[in-house]
Amino acid sequence: MYLWSGTLSPFSAKVRIVLAEKGLPIEIREVPWSRQNKWHPKPKAFLDVSPRGEVPVLVDGGLAVFDSWTNGTRCQHSAITPQPSTSG
């Protein structure tokens, strides 16, 4: 499972907060942003899973969910169980 996120996106932040609270292991993939280019060009891999070109997009197996409310709800009810830390 991985999340396409935007550094300045409050919608992405909502999903990242839920993921952190749940302790879910997830890879965060950032859509690059710069003051000069804004959000362009967007990576092809991102556009392949986000038909609107908007963040956040949660990808779980073959399912891509691109709405922050739906992503947060999906994470809240996820069957994924956090793994205990092996570091002490």
N, C-alpha and C. Protein backbone atom coordinates (compact mmCIF):
# COMPACT_ATOMS: atom_id res chain seq x y z
N MET A 1 0.86 -1.17 0.00
CA MET A 1 0.00 0.00 0.00
C MET A 1 0.91 1.23 0.00
N TYR A 2 0.52 2.22 -0.80
CA TYR A 2 1.26 3.48 -0.81
C TYR A 2 0.30 4.64 -1.05
N LEU A 3 0.78 5.83 -0.68
CA LEU A 3 -0.03 7.03 -0.78
C LEU A 3 0.71 8.06 -1.61
N TRP A 4 0.05 8.52 -2.69
CA TRP A 4 0.55 9.69 -3.41
C TRP A 4 0.06 10.91 -2.63
N SER A 5 0.99 11.76 -2.26
CA SER A 5 0.69 12.87 -1.38
C SER A 5 1.30 14.16 -1.94
N GLY A 6 0.78 15.28 -1.47
CA GLY A 6 1.35 16.57 -1.81
C GLY A 6 1.76 17.29 -0.55
N THR A 7 2.97 17.77 -0.50
CA THR A 7 3.51 18.41 0.69
C THR A 7 2.61 19.51 1.23
N LEU A 8 2.03 20.31 0.35
CA LEU A 8 1.22 21.46 0.78
C LEU A 8 -0.27 21.18 0.80
N SER A 9 -0.67 19.94 0.55
CA SER A 9 -2.09 19.60 0.45
C SER A 9 -2.70 19.27 1.81
N PRO A 10 -3.69 20.04 2.26
CA PRO A 10 -4.36 19.70 3.52
C PRO A 10 -5.13 18.39 3.41
N PHE A 11 -5.56 18.04 2.21
CA PHE A 11 -6.28 16.78 2.01
C PHE A 11 -5.34 15.59 2.19
N SER A 12 -4.12 15.72 1.67
CA SER A 12 -3.11 14.68 1.88
C SER A 12 -2.76 14.58 3.37
N ALA A 13 -2.67 15.73 4.03
CA ALA A 13 -2.31 15.74 5.45
C ALA A 13 -3.34 14.97 6.27
N LYS A 14 -4.63 15.11 5.95
CA LYS A 14 -5.66 14.37 6.69
C LYS A 14 -5.42 12.88 6.62
N VAL A 15 -5.10 12.39 5.43
CA VAL A 15 -4.89 10.95 5.25
C VAL A 15 -3.61 10.51 5.95
N ARG A 16 -2.54 11.31 5.85
CA ARG A 16 -1.29 10.96 6.53
C ARG A 16 -1.48 10.90 8.05
N ILE A 17 -2.30 11.79 8.59
CA ILE A 17 -2.57 11.79 10.03
C ILE A 17 -3.29 10.51 10.44
N VAL A 18 -4.30 10.13 9.69
CA VAL A 18 -5.04 8.88 10.00
C VAL A 18 -4.10 7.69 9.93
N LEU A 19 -3.27 7.64 8.89
CA LEU A 19 -2.33 6.53 8.75
C LEU A 19 -1.36 6.48 9.94
N ALA A 20 -0.87 7.64 10.36
CA ALA A 20 0.05 7.69 11.49
C ALA A 20 -0.64 7.25 12.78
N GLU A 21 -1.87 7.71 13.00
CA GLU A 21 -2.60 7.33 14.20
C GLU A 21 -2.87 5.83 14.25
N LYS A 22 -3.14 5.23 13.10
CA LYS A 22 -3.39 3.79 13.02
C LYS A 22 -2.10 2.98 13.06
N GLY A 23 -0.97 3.64 12.84
CA GLY A 23 0.31 2.93 12.82
C GLY A 23 0.45 2.01 11.61
N LEU A 24 -0.23 2.36 10.52
CA LEU A 24 -0.19 1.52 9.33
C LEU A 24 1.11 1.71 8.56
N PRO A 25 1.72 0.61 8.15
CA PRO A 25 2.94 0.73 7.35
C PRO A 25 2.57 1.15 5.94
N ILE A 26 3.13 2.25 5.49
CA ILE A 26 2.77 2.75 4.17
C ILE A 26 3.95 3.52 3.59
N GLU A 27 4.07 3.43 2.29
CA GLU A 27 5.07 4.20 1.57
C GLU A 27 4.42 5.50 1.11
N ILE A 28 5.05 6.62 1.40
CA ILE A 28 4.55 7.92 0.95
C ILE A 28 5.33 8.32 -0.30
N ARG A 29 4.59 8.60 -1.36
CA ARG A 29 5.19 9.08 -2.60
C ARG A 29 4.72 10.52 -2.81
N GLU A 30 5.66 11.43 -2.82
CA GLU A 30 5.33 12.85 -2.94
C GLU A 30 5.27 13.28 -4.40
N VAL A 31 4.23 14.02 -4.76
CA VAL A 31 4.17 14.67 -6.06
C VAL A 31 5.05 15.91 -5.94
N PRO A 32 6.06 16.05 -6.78
CA PRO A 32 6.99 17.18 -6.65
C PRO A 32 6.28 18.54 -6.79
N TRP A 33 6.76 19.49 -6.01
CA TRP A 33 6.22 20.85 -6.07
C TRP A 33 7.37 21.83 -6.03
N SER A 34 7.25 22.90 -6.81
CA SER A 34 8.22 23.99 -6.73
C SER A 34 7.47 25.30 -6.93
N ARG A 35 8.02 26.35 -6.39
CA ARG A 35 7.38 27.67 -6.52
C ARG A 35 7.29 28.07 -8.00
N GLN A 36 8.28 27.70 -8.78
CA GLN A 36 8.31 28.08 -10.19
C GLN A 36 7.32 27.26 -11.02
N ASN A 37 7.28 25.94 -10.81
CA ASN A 37 6.48 25.06 -11.67
C ASN A 37 5.17 24.60 -11.04
N LYS A 38 4.93 25.00 -9.79
CA LYS A 38 3.75 24.53 -9.04
C LYS A 38 3.78 23.00 -8.99
N TRP A 39 2.74 22.35 -9.45
CA TRP A 39 2.66 20.88 -9.38
C TRP A 39 3.02 20.22 -10.71
N HIS A 40 3.66 20.94 -11.62
CA HIS A 40 3.95 20.38 -12.94
C HIS A 40 5.44 20.27 -13.15
N PRO A 41 5.90 19.28 -13.90
CA PRO A 41 5.13 18.18 -14.48
C PRO A 41 4.84 17.11 -13.43
N LYS A 42 3.71 16.46 -13.55
CA LYS A 42 3.34 15.39 -12.63
C LYS A 42 3.90 14.07 -13.15
N PRO A 43 4.38 13.21 -12.24
CA PRO A 43 4.94 11.93 -12.68
C PRO A 43 3.88 11.07 -13.38
N LYS A 44 4.30 10.36 -14.42
CA LYS A 44 3.39 9.49 -15.16
C LYS A 44 2.78 8.43 -14.25
N ALA A 45 3.58 7.86 -13.35
CA ALA A 45 3.06 6.84 -12.43
C ALA A 45 1.91 7.39 -11.59
N PHE A 46 2.00 8.66 -11.22
CA PHE A 46 0.93 9.30 -10.46
C PHE A 46 -0.31 9.48 -11.33
N LEU A 47 -0.13 9.99 -12.52
CA LEU A 47 -1.27 10.22 -13.42
C LEU A 47 -1.94 8.92 -13.83
N ASP A 48 -1.20 7.82 -13.82
CA ASP A 48 -1.79 6.50 -14.13
C ASP A 48 -2.84 6.09 -13.11
N VAL A 49 -2.69 6.53 -11.85
CA VAL A 49 -3.65 6.12 -10.80
C VAL A 49 -4.58 7.25 -10.37
N SER A 50 -4.31 8.47 -10.84
CA SER A 50 -5.13 9.61 -10.46
C SER A 50 -5.69 10.27 -11.72
N PRO A 51 -6.89 9.87 -12.13
CA PRO A 51 -7.44 10.41 -13.37
C PRO A 51 -7.62 11.93 -13.36
N ARG A 52 -7.81 12.52 -12.20
CA ARG A 52 -7.96 13.97 -12.11
C ARG A 52 -6.64 14.69 -11.86
N GLY A 53 -5.59 13.91 -11.61
CA GLY A 53 -4.29 14.52 -11.33
C GLY A 53 -4.25 15.22 -9.99
N GLU A 54 -5.06 14.75 -9.03
CA GLU A 54 -5.13 15.39 -7.70
C GLU A 54 -4.67 14.42 -6.62
N VAL A 55 -4.11 14.98 -5.56
CA VAL A 55 -3.73 14.21 -4.39
C VAL A 55 -4.79 14.39 -3.31
N PRO A 56 -4.91 13.47 -2.39
CA PRO A 56 -4.15 12.24 -2.21
C PRO A 56 -4.75 11.08 -3.00
N VAL A 57 -3.91 10.09 -3.28
CA VAL A 57 -4.36 8.85 -3.90
C VAL A 57 -3.76 7.71 -3.09
N LEU A 58 -4.62 6.89 -2.51
CA LEU A 58 -4.20 5.71 -1.77
C LEU A 58 -4.29 4.52 -2.71
N VAL A 59 -3.17 3.81 -2.89
CA VAL A 59 -3.13 2.65 -3.77
C VAL A 59 -2.91 1.42 -2.90
N ASP A 60 -3.86 0.50 -2.97
CA ASP A 60 -3.82 -0.73 -2.17
C ASP A 60 -4.04 -1.89 -3.13
N GLY A 61 -2.97 -2.56 -3.50
CA GLY A 61 -3.07 -3.61 -4.51
C GLY A 61 -3.45 -2.99 -5.84
N GLY A 62 -4.53 -3.46 -6.44
CA GLY A 62 -4.99 -2.92 -7.71
C GLY A 62 -6.01 -1.81 -7.56
N LEU A 63 -6.32 -1.43 -6.33
CA LEU A 63 -7.35 -0.41 -6.07
C LEU A 63 -6.69 0.94 -5.79
N ALA A 64 -7.12 1.97 -6.53
CA ALA A 64 -6.64 3.33 -6.30
C ALA A 64 -7.83 4.18 -5.87
N VAL A 65 -7.73 4.78 -4.68
CA VAL A 65 -8.80 5.61 -4.14
C VAL A 65 -8.29 7.04 -4.09
N PHE A 66 -9.00 7.96 -4.75
CA PHE A 66 -8.49 9.33 -4.87
C PHE A 66 -9.41 10.37 -4.27
N ASP A 67 -9.84 10.14 -3.05
CA ASP A 67 -10.65 11.12 -2.32
C ASP A 67 -10.21 11.06 -0.86
N SER A 68 -9.90 12.21 -0.26
CA SER A 68 -9.34 12.19 1.10
C SER A 68 -10.32 11.63 2.13
N TRP A 69 -11.60 11.92 1.99
CA TRP A 69 -12.58 11.39 2.95
C TRP A 69 -12.66 9.87 2.83
N THR A 70 -12.75 9.38 1.62
CA THR A 70 -12.81 7.93 1.39
C THR A 70 -11.52 7.27 1.86
N ASN A 71 -10.37 7.90 1.58
CA ASN A 71 -9.10 7.34 2.03
C ASN A 71 -9.04 7.24 3.54
N GLY A 72 -9.44 8.30 4.23
CA GLY A 72 -9.42 8.28 5.69
C GLY A 72 -10.34 7.22 6.25
N THR A 73 -11.52 7.09 5.68
CA THR A 73 -12.46 6.07 6.12
C THR A 73 -11.91 4.68 5.86
N ARG A 74 -11.31 4.49 4.69
CA ARG A 74 -10.73 3.19 4.35
C ARG A 74 -9.63 2.83 5.34
N CYS A 75 -8.80 3.78 5.70
CA CYS A 75 -7.72 3.53 6.66
C CYS A 75 -8.27 3.23 8.05
N GLN A 76 -9.31 3.95 8.45
CA GLN A 76 -9.91 3.74 9.77
C GLN A 76 -10.46 2.33 9.91
N HIS A 77 -10.99 1.79 8.81
CA HIS A 77 -11.62 0.47 8.86
C HIS A 77 -10.76 -0.60 8.22
N SER A 78 -9.49 -0.30 8.04
CA SER A 78 -8.57 -1.23 7.38
C SER A 78 -8.37 -2.48 8.22
N ALA A 79 -8.26 -3.59 7.52
CA ALA A 79 -7.96 -4.87 8.19
C ALA A 79 -6.47 -5.02 8.45
N ILE A 80 -5.68 -4.07 7.96
CA ILE A 80 -4.24 -4.14 8.17
C ILE A 80 -3.95 -3.85 9.62
N THR A 81 -3.19 -4.73 10.24
CA THR A 81 -2.84 -4.57 11.65
C THR A 81 -1.41 -4.05 11.74
N PRO A 82 -1.19 -3.02 12.53
CA PRO A 82 0.18 -2.50 12.68
C PRO A 82 1.09 -3.57 13.25
N GLN A 83 2.33 -3.58 12.78
CA GLN A 83 3.32 -4.53 13.28
C GLN A 83 4.04 -3.91 14.47
N PRO A 84 4.24 -4.70 15.54
CA PRO A 84 4.96 -4.16 16.70
C PRO A 84 6.39 -3.82 16.33
N SER A 85 6.91 -2.78 16.96
CA SER A 85 8.28 -2.36 16.72
C SER A 85 9.25 -3.35 17.33
N THR A 86 10.33 -3.65 16.60
CA THR A 86 11.34 -4.56 17.14
C THR A 86 12.46 -3.80 17.79
N SER A 87 12.45 -2.47 17.67
CA SER A 87 13.48 -1.66 18.33
C SER A 87 12.98 -1.26 19.71
N GLY A 88 13.86 -1.09 20.60
CA GLY A 88 13.41 -0.80 21.94
C GLY A 88 13.79 0.50 22.42
